[in-house]
Amino acid sequence: MNAGGKLIDLSSPKVMGILNITPDSFYDGGRHNTVDAALLQAEKLLTAGADLLDLGAYSSRPGAAEVGVDEEKARLLPVIAAITTRFPESLLSIDTFRADVARASVEAGAHIINDISGGTLDEQMFATIAELQVPYILMHMRGTPNTMQRLTDYEDVVQDVNLFFGGQLARLRQMKVTDIILDPGFGFAKTLQQNYDLLNRLEELHIHGLPILGAVSRKSMIYKKLGITPEEALNGTTVLHTLLLTKGIKILRVHDVKEAKEVIALLK
């Protein structure tokens, strides 16, 4: 996969380190929302072995405050500039559902767009990706982060996710977008049980012949099931990372890079 002239070899699984530059993300909100703090965290993630960094400036947790386009760019662009200057070989993914933010981020030096809405919240996103010709992470979600938990009525959650992917992929391919990664969207518009149904039948998503990203790190599907907090959910995260890898996941999106890298090493 070509990311801004840098090749990503997905023949072996990769680890994407999460860098939230928000005041209100569910696990690490407020810890890295200055340029200096974000740069320190980027260094920590890269030193631990992260293959990619995923920068987000708009929390997608239910009930999170809305952020304007200009504010999202104001949070992201200085951090992109700082990381690309300090760590020029790093690969940066941008977690945004807005085409304007995607464009500005790529122009500032980012390489990949990670869209939690799968193109449903900004009608210009697919055309923008086609123009920019950058890898695109297509995630399944219904509604918005504030409405998604009321939109969990599926005939069959796995089949419905596959149907969504099929329709969106047809549009992307018509626009000549080829470098696409799928994300089933654990925790987005899915009940606790639906998350595990999706996890247990993940092989069915390989029908599209595309790499799949797994993002379960410290999520409520772990800590609510175990009756613990996100801070206590590393062990559960590691267990699910192991399961995801045995089901052919190519990218793990994680808070804890060292532990994820160890799982991959042990399963080689």
Protein backbone atom coordinates (compact mmCIF):
# COMPACT_ATOMS: atom_id res chain seq x y z
CA MET A 1 0.00 0.00 0.00
CA ASN A 2 1.44 3.36 -1.09
CA ALA A 3 1.18 6.10 1.55
CA GLY A 4 2.67 9.30 0.19
CA GLY A 5 5.52 7.46 -1.48
CA LYS A 6 6.09 5.31 1.58
CA LEU A 7 5.17 1.66 1.16
CA ILE A 8 3.24 -0.16 3.87
CA ASP A 9 3.84 -3.90 3.72
CA LEU A 10 0.78 -5.60 5.15
CA SER A 11 2.07 -9.13 4.63
CA SER A 12 2.71 -9.03 8.39
CA PRO A 13 0.42 -7.25 10.89
CA LYS A 14 1.15 -3.65 11.78
CA VAL A 15 0.46 -1.61 14.93
CA MET A 16 -1.19 1.81 14.74
CA GLY A 17 -0.61 3.90 17.85
CA ILE A 18 -3.47 6.16 18.95
CA LEU A 19 -2.62 9.82 19.50
CA ASN A 20 -5.69 11.71 20.69
CA ILE A 21 -5.19 15.47 20.68
CA THR A 22 -8.57 16.08 22.27
CA PRO A 23 -9.67 17.20 25.73
CA ASP A 24 -12.38 14.54 26.03
CA SER A 25 -11.51 11.15 24.52
CA PHE A 26 -12.78 8.22 26.59
CA TYR A 27 -9.39 6.93 27.76
CA ASP A 28 -6.67 9.55 27.36
CA GLY A 29 -8.56 12.78 26.73
CA GLY A 30 -6.65 15.90 27.74
CA ARG A 31 -3.27 14.18 28.10
CA HIS A 32 -1.83 15.08 24.69
CA ASN A 33 -3.77 18.13 23.53
CA THR A 34 -0.82 20.50 23.24
CA VAL A 35 1.85 20.31 20.56
CA ASP A 36 4.61 19.54 23.07
CA ALA A 37 2.58 16.84 24.83
CA ALA A 38 1.53 15.30 21.51
CA LEU A 39 5.13 15.25 20.30
CA LEU A 40 6.26 13.49 23.47
CA GLN A 41 3.51 10.89 23.09
CA ALA A 42 4.36 10.40 19.42
CA GLU A 43 7.98 9.73 20.42
CA LYS A 44 6.83 7.26 23.07
CA LEU A 45 4.60 5.38 20.61
CA LEU A 46 7.24 5.26 17.89
CA THR A 47 9.94 4.17 20.33
CA ALA A 48 7.66 1.36 21.49
CA GLY A 49 7.44 0.18 17.89
CA ALA A 50 4.37 1.79 16.35
CA ASP A 51 4.32 1.34 12.57
CA LEU A 52 1.79 4.15 12.13
CA LEU A 53 0.32 6.94 14.26
CA ASP A 54 -3.40 7.77 14.18
CA LEU A 55 -4.07 11.41 15.10
CA GLY A 56 -7.56 12.44 16.16
CA ALA A 57 -8.80 15.89 17.14
CA TYR A 58 -12.54 15.17 17.45
CA SER A 59 -13.61 12.68 20.10
CA SER A 60 -16.04 10.07 18.82
CA ARG A 61 -17.21 8.91 22.24
CA PRO A 62 -20.98 9.26 22.82
CA GLY A 63 -21.82 12.66 24.30
CA ALA A 64 -18.55 14.29 23.28
CA ALA A 65 -18.73 18.00 22.50
CA GLU A 66 -19.02 18.96 18.85
CA VAL A 67 -15.91 20.51 17.30
CA GLY A 68 -15.98 22.95 14.39
CA VAL A 69 -13.96 22.35 11.23
CA ASP A 70 -11.62 25.25 11.97
CA GLU A 71 -11.05 24.04 15.53
CA GLU A 72 -10.35 20.49 14.34
CA LYS A 73 -7.77 21.79 11.87
CA ALA A 74 -6.27 24.12 14.47
CA ARG A 75 -5.71 21.15 16.77
CA LEU A 76 -4.34 18.84 14.07
CA LEU A 77 -2.16 20.85 11.73
CA PRO A 78 0.48 22.07 14.23
CA VAL A 79 0.86 18.51 15.55
CA ILE A 80 1.23 17.10 12.03
CA ALA A 81 3.90 19.73 11.31
CA ALA A 82 5.75 18.98 14.54
CA ILE A 83 5.75 15.20 14.07
CA THR A 84 6.74 15.29 10.40
CA THR A 85 9.62 17.64 11.26
CA ARG A 86 10.84 15.63 14.26
CA PHE A 87 10.09 12.17 12.87
CA PRO A 88 10.14 12.53 9.05
CA GLU A 89 9.95 8.77 8.44
CA SER A 90 6.75 8.34 10.49
CA LEU A 91 3.49 7.39 8.82
CA LEU A 92 0.53 9.51 9.92
CA SER A 93 -3.13 8.54 9.73
CA ILE A 94 -5.75 11.20 10.41
CA ASP A 95 -8.96 10.24 12.20
CA THR A 96 -11.54 12.55 10.63
CA PHE A 97 -14.88 12.32 8.84
CA ARG A 98 -14.53 15.75 7.21
CA ALA A 99 -13.21 16.20 3.69
CA ASP A 100 -11.81 19.68 4.38
CA VAL A 101 -9.85 18.38 7.37
CA ALA A 102 -8.64 15.39 5.35
CA ARG A 103 -7.37 17.63 2.57
CA ALA A 104 -5.64 20.08 4.91
CA SER A 105 -4.02 17.23 6.83
CA VAL A 106 -2.63 15.53 3.72
CA GLU A 107 -1.35 18.86 2.43
CA ALA A 108 0.39 19.30 5.80
CA GLY A 109 2.15 15.93 5.48
CA ALA A 110 -0.27 13.20 6.62
CA HIS A 111 -0.47 9.96 4.65
CA ILE A 112 -3.74 8.11 5.41
CA ILE A 113 -7.33 9.13 6.16
CA ASN A 114 -9.24 7.14 8.78
CA ASP A 115 -12.97 7.95 8.41
CA ILE A 116 -15.17 6.62 11.21
CA SER A 117 -18.27 7.40 9.15
CA GLY A 118 -17.21 5.46 6.06
CA GLY A 119 -18.15 8.40 3.87
CA THR A 120 -21.63 8.92 5.32
CA LEU A 121 -21.09 12.23 7.18
CA ASP A 122 -19.45 14.27 4.42
CA GLU A 123 -20.60 13.76 0.85
CA GLN A 124 -17.31 15.21 -0.42
CA MET A 125 -15.08 12.70 1.35
CA PHE A 126 -14.89 10.06 -1.39
CA ALA A 127 -14.19 12.61 -4.13
CA THR A 128 -11.50 14.17 -1.93
CA ILE A 129 -9.83 10.81 -1.32
CA ALA A 130 -9.95 10.08 -5.05
CA GLU A 131 -8.27 13.40 -5.77
CA LEU A 132 -5.65 13.06 -3.04
CA GLN A 133 -4.97 9.39 -3.87
CA VAL A 134 -4.12 8.43 -0.30
CA PRO A 135 -5.01 5.19 1.52
CA TYR A 136 -8.48 5.31 3.06
CA ILE A 137 -9.77 3.46 6.12
CA LEU A 138 -13.46 2.76 5.59
CA MET A 139 -15.23 2.16 8.90
CA HIS A 140 -18.78 1.02 9.52
CA MET A 141 -20.96 3.28 11.65
CA ARG A 142 -24.56 4.40 11.68
CA GLY A 143 -25.63 7.96 12.47
CA THR A 144 -23.22 10.18 14.39
CA PRO A 145 -21.25 9.57 17.58
CA ASN A 146 -24.12 11.18 19.50
CA THR A 147 -26.87 9.09 17.89
CA MET A 148 -25.14 5.80 17.03
CA GLN A 149 -26.06 3.91 20.19
CA ARG A 150 -29.76 4.26 19.28
CA LEU A 151 -29.15 2.75 15.83
CA THR A 152 -28.36 -0.88 16.67
CA ASP A 153 -31.29 -2.66 14.98
CA TYR A 154 -29.79 -5.17 12.52
CA GLU A 155 -31.22 -8.17 10.71
CA ASP A 156 -27.75 -9.71 11.01
CA VAL A 157 -24.96 -7.40 12.14
CA VAL A 158 -22.22 -9.15 10.14
CA GLN A 159 -24.25 -9.33 6.93
CA ASP A 160 -25.35 -5.72 7.33
CA VAL A 161 -21.77 -4.54 7.83
CA ASN A 162 -20.75 -6.50 4.73
CA LEU A 163 -23.57 -4.95 2.71
CA PHE A 164 -22.48 -1.49 3.82
CA PHE A 165 -18.90 -2.20 2.80
CA GLY A 166 -20.03 -3.56 -0.57
CA GLY A 167 -22.00 -0.44 -1.42
CA GLN A 168 -19.32 2.02 -0.31
CA LEU A 169 -16.55 0.06 -2.02
CA ALA A 170 -18.45 0.12 -5.31
CA ARG A 171 -18.58 3.92 -5.13
CA LEU A 172 -14.90 4.23 -4.19
CA ARG A 173 -13.75 1.92 -6.95
CA GLN A 174 -15.81 3.81 -9.49
CA MET A 175 -13.80 6.87 -8.42
CA LYS A 176 -10.52 4.93 -8.89
CA VAL A 177 -9.72 4.67 -5.16
CA THR A 178 -7.72 1.46 -4.74
CA ASP A 179 -5.84 1.58 -1.42
CA ILE A 180 -8.64 0.79 1.04
CA ILE A 181 -8.61 -0.74 4.53
CA LEU A 182 -11.81 -1.95 6.19
CA ASP A 183 -12.72 -1.35 9.84
CA PRO A 184 -15.87 -3.09 11.17
CA GLY A 185 -16.30 -0.34 13.76
CA PHE A 186 -16.36 -2.15 17.08
CA GLY A 187 -18.35 -0.05 19.54
CA PHE A 188 -19.94 2.15 16.88
CA ALA A 189 -23.71 1.61 16.56
CA LYS A 190 -23.39 -1.88 18.02
CA THR A 191 -24.56 -3.42 21.27
CA LEU A 192 -22.19 -5.33 23.51
CA GLN A 193 -23.41 -8.66 22.08
CA GLN A 194 -23.25 -7.40 18.50
CA ASN A 195 -19.60 -6.47 19.00
CA TYR A 196 -18.82 -10.05 19.97
CA ASP A 197 -20.96 -11.47 17.16
CA LEU A 198 -18.89 -9.38 14.77
CA LEU A 199 -15.64 -10.44 16.40
CA ASN A 200 -16.52 -14.14 16.34
CA ARG A 201 -17.53 -14.04 12.66
CA LEU A 202 -14.83 -11.67 11.46
CA GLU A 203 -13.69 -14.11 8.76
CA GLU A 204 -16.84 -13.25 6.81
CA LEU A 205 -15.49 -9.75 6.17
CA HIS A 206 -12.60 -11.14 4.14
CA ILE A 207 -15.01 -11.60 1.24
CA HIS A 208 -13.97 -8.16 -0.02
CA GLY A 209 -10.32 -9.18 -0.33
CA LEU A 210 -9.07 -6.11 1.54
CA PRO A 211 -6.94 -5.67 4.67
CA ILE A 212 -8.94 -5.24 7.88
CA LEU A 213 -8.13 -3.00 10.82
CA GLY A 214 -9.16 -3.99 14.33
CA ALA A 215 -9.82 -1.27 16.91
CA VAL A 216 -10.86 -2.69 20.27
CA SER A 217 -8.23 -1.13 22.55
CA ARG A 218 -9.66 -0.50 26.05
CA LYS A 219 -13.18 -0.16 24.60
CA SER A 220 -16.45 -0.63 26.46
CA MET A 221 -16.96 -4.06 24.86
CA ILE A 222 -14.10 -5.10 27.18
CA TYR A 223 -14.51 -3.07 30.34
CA LYS A 224 -18.30 -3.25 30.52
CA LYS A 225 -18.30 -7.01 30.02
CA LEU A 226 -15.68 -7.42 32.76
CA GLY A 227 -17.14 -4.79 35.09
CA ILE A 228 -13.91 -2.78 35.20
CA THR A 229 -12.65 0.61 33.99
CA PRO A 230 -10.82 1.50 30.75
CA GLU A 231 -7.65 1.89 32.82
CA GLU A 232 -7.96 -1.75 33.89
CA ALA A 233 -8.72 -3.10 30.41
CA LEU A 234 -5.22 -3.81 29.07
CA ASN A 235 -5.37 -7.54 29.78
CA GLY A 236 -8.73 -7.87 28.05
CA THR A 237 -7.43 -5.80 25.15
CA THR A 238 -4.48 -8.15 24.72
CA VAL A 239 -6.77 -11.18 24.68
CA LEU A 240 -8.94 -9.67 21.95
CA HIS A 241 -5.88 -8.55 19.97
CA THR A 242 -4.74 -12.17 19.97
CA LEU A 243 -8.13 -13.29 18.67
CA LEU A 244 -8.18 -10.58 16.00
CA LEU A 245 -4.77 -11.62 14.72
CA THR A 246 -5.80 -15.26 14.45
CA LYS A 247 -8.70 -14.06 12.29
CA GLY A 248 -6.47 -12.29 9.79
CA ILE A 249 -6.45 -8.69 11.01
CA LYS A 250 -3.64 -6.70 9.37
CA ILE A 251 -3.60 -3.55 11.54
CA LEU A 252 -4.20 -3.22 15.28
CA ARG A 253 -5.19 0.30 16.39
CA VAL A 254 -4.00 0.53 19.98
CA HIS A 255 -3.21 2.70 23.00
CA ASP A 256 -0.53 0.28 24.22
CA VAL A 257 1.98 -0.32 21.46
CA LYS A 258 4.58 -2.45 23.25
CA GLU A 259 2.00 -5.00 24.38
CA ALA A 260 0.44 -5.23 20.91
CA LYS A 261 3.85 -5.74 19.30
CA GLU A 262 4.52 -8.56 21.75
CA VAL A 263 1.29 -10.31 20.75
CA ILE A 264 2.30 -10.13 17.09
CA ALA A 265 5.79 -11.44 17.86
CA LEU A 266 4.43 -14.39 19.82
CA LEU A 267 2.04 -15.38 17.03
CA LYS A 268 4.66 -15.36 14.26
